[in-house]
């Protein structure tokens, strides 16, 4: 398992947290997702043999937020 922390812009409320945690969490290979709303960060624990960082970033982008 690997851990990454992504800086994400555009998250401002509980709905944002839920959208990111739910959709990233549904990716095969993602074990845990934690959004830190006040910091604009998303921690992800994942298996790199099943999901790539780019796939995780794309999923966050698809929810309408910007990974910086």
Protein backbone atom coordinates (compact mmCIF):
# COMPACT_ATOMS: atom_id res chain seq x y z
CA UNK A 1 0.00 0.00 0.00
CA UNK A 2 1.05 3.56 -0.68
CA UNK A 3 -0.12 6.85 0.80
CA UNK A 4 -0.40 10.16 -1.03
CA UNK A 5 -1.63 13.59 -0.03
CA UNK A 6 -3.16 15.69 -2.79
CA UNK A 7 -3.82 19.44 -2.66
CA UNK A 8 -7.36 20.02 -3.92
CA UNK A 9 -9.00 23.39 -4.64
CA UNK A 10 -12.73 24.03 -4.72
CA UNK A 11 -13.91 21.94 -1.77
CA UNK A 12 -15.98 24.06 0.61
CA UNK A 13 -18.60 21.98 2.41
CA UNK A 14 -19.71 18.58 3.67
CA UNK A 15 -21.12 17.68 0.27
CA UNK A 16 -17.66 18.23 -1.24
CA UNK A 17 -16.10 15.94 1.36
CA UNK A 18 -18.72 13.26 0.75
CA UNK A 19 -18.40 13.45 -3.05
CA UNK A 20 -14.62 13.05 -3.00
CA UNK A 21 -14.47 10.39 -0.28
CA UNK A 22 -17.27 8.32 -1.84
CA UNK A 23 -16.11 8.44 -5.46
CA UNK A 24 -12.39 7.96 -4.80
CA UNK A 25 -13.22 5.28 -2.23
CA UNK A 26 -15.12 3.29 -4.87
CA UNK A 27 -12.02 2.92 -7.06
CA UNK A 28 -10.56 -0.59 -7.07
CA UNK A 29 -7.40 -0.60 -4.97
CA UNK A 30 -8.29 2.37 -2.76
CA UNK A 31 -8.27 1.35 0.89
CA UNK A 32 -8.95 4.68 2.60
CA UNK A 33 -9.74 8.29 1.67
CA UNK A 34 -9.74 11.19 4.12
CA UNK A 35 -10.57 14.77 3.13
CA UNK A 36 -9.17 17.59 5.27
CA UNK A 37 -11.56 20.35 4.22
CA UNK A 38 -9.95 23.25 6.11
CA UNK A 39 -6.53 22.40 4.67
CA UNK A 40 -7.72 21.60 1.14
CA UNK A 41 -5.99 18.22 1.24
CA UNK A 42 -7.01 14.65 0.46
CA UNK A 43 -5.12 11.68 1.92
CA UNK A 44 -5.44 8.42 -0.01
CA UNK A 45 -4.15 4.96 0.90
CA UNK A 46 -4.10 2.77 -2.19
CA UNK A 47 -2.60 -0.24 -3.91
CA UNK A 48 -0.56 1.06 -6.88
CA UNK A 49 -0.88 -2.29 -8.65
CA UNK A 50 -4.65 -1.71 -8.91
CA UNK A 51 -5.08 2.06 -9.26
CA UNK A 52 -2.80 4.89 -10.38
CA UNK A 53 -2.35 8.36 -8.92
CA UNK A 54 -3.60 9.73 -12.25
CA UNK A 55 -6.84 7.73 -11.91
CA UNK A 56 -7.33 9.12 -8.40
CA UNK A 57 -6.70 12.69 -9.61
CA UNK A 58 -9.06 12.22 -12.57
CA UNK A 59 -11.82 10.98 -10.25
CA UNK A 60 -11.43 14.10 -8.08
CA UNK A 61 -11.44 16.29 -11.21
CA UNK A 62 -14.63 14.55 -12.37
CA UNK A 63 -16.33 15.72 -9.15
CA UNK A 64 -15.59 19.32 -10.11
CA UNK A 65 -12.51 19.99 -7.97
CA UNK A 66 -8.99 20.91 -9.04
CA UNK A 67 -5.99 18.83 -7.99
CA UNK A 68 -3.03 21.22 -7.79
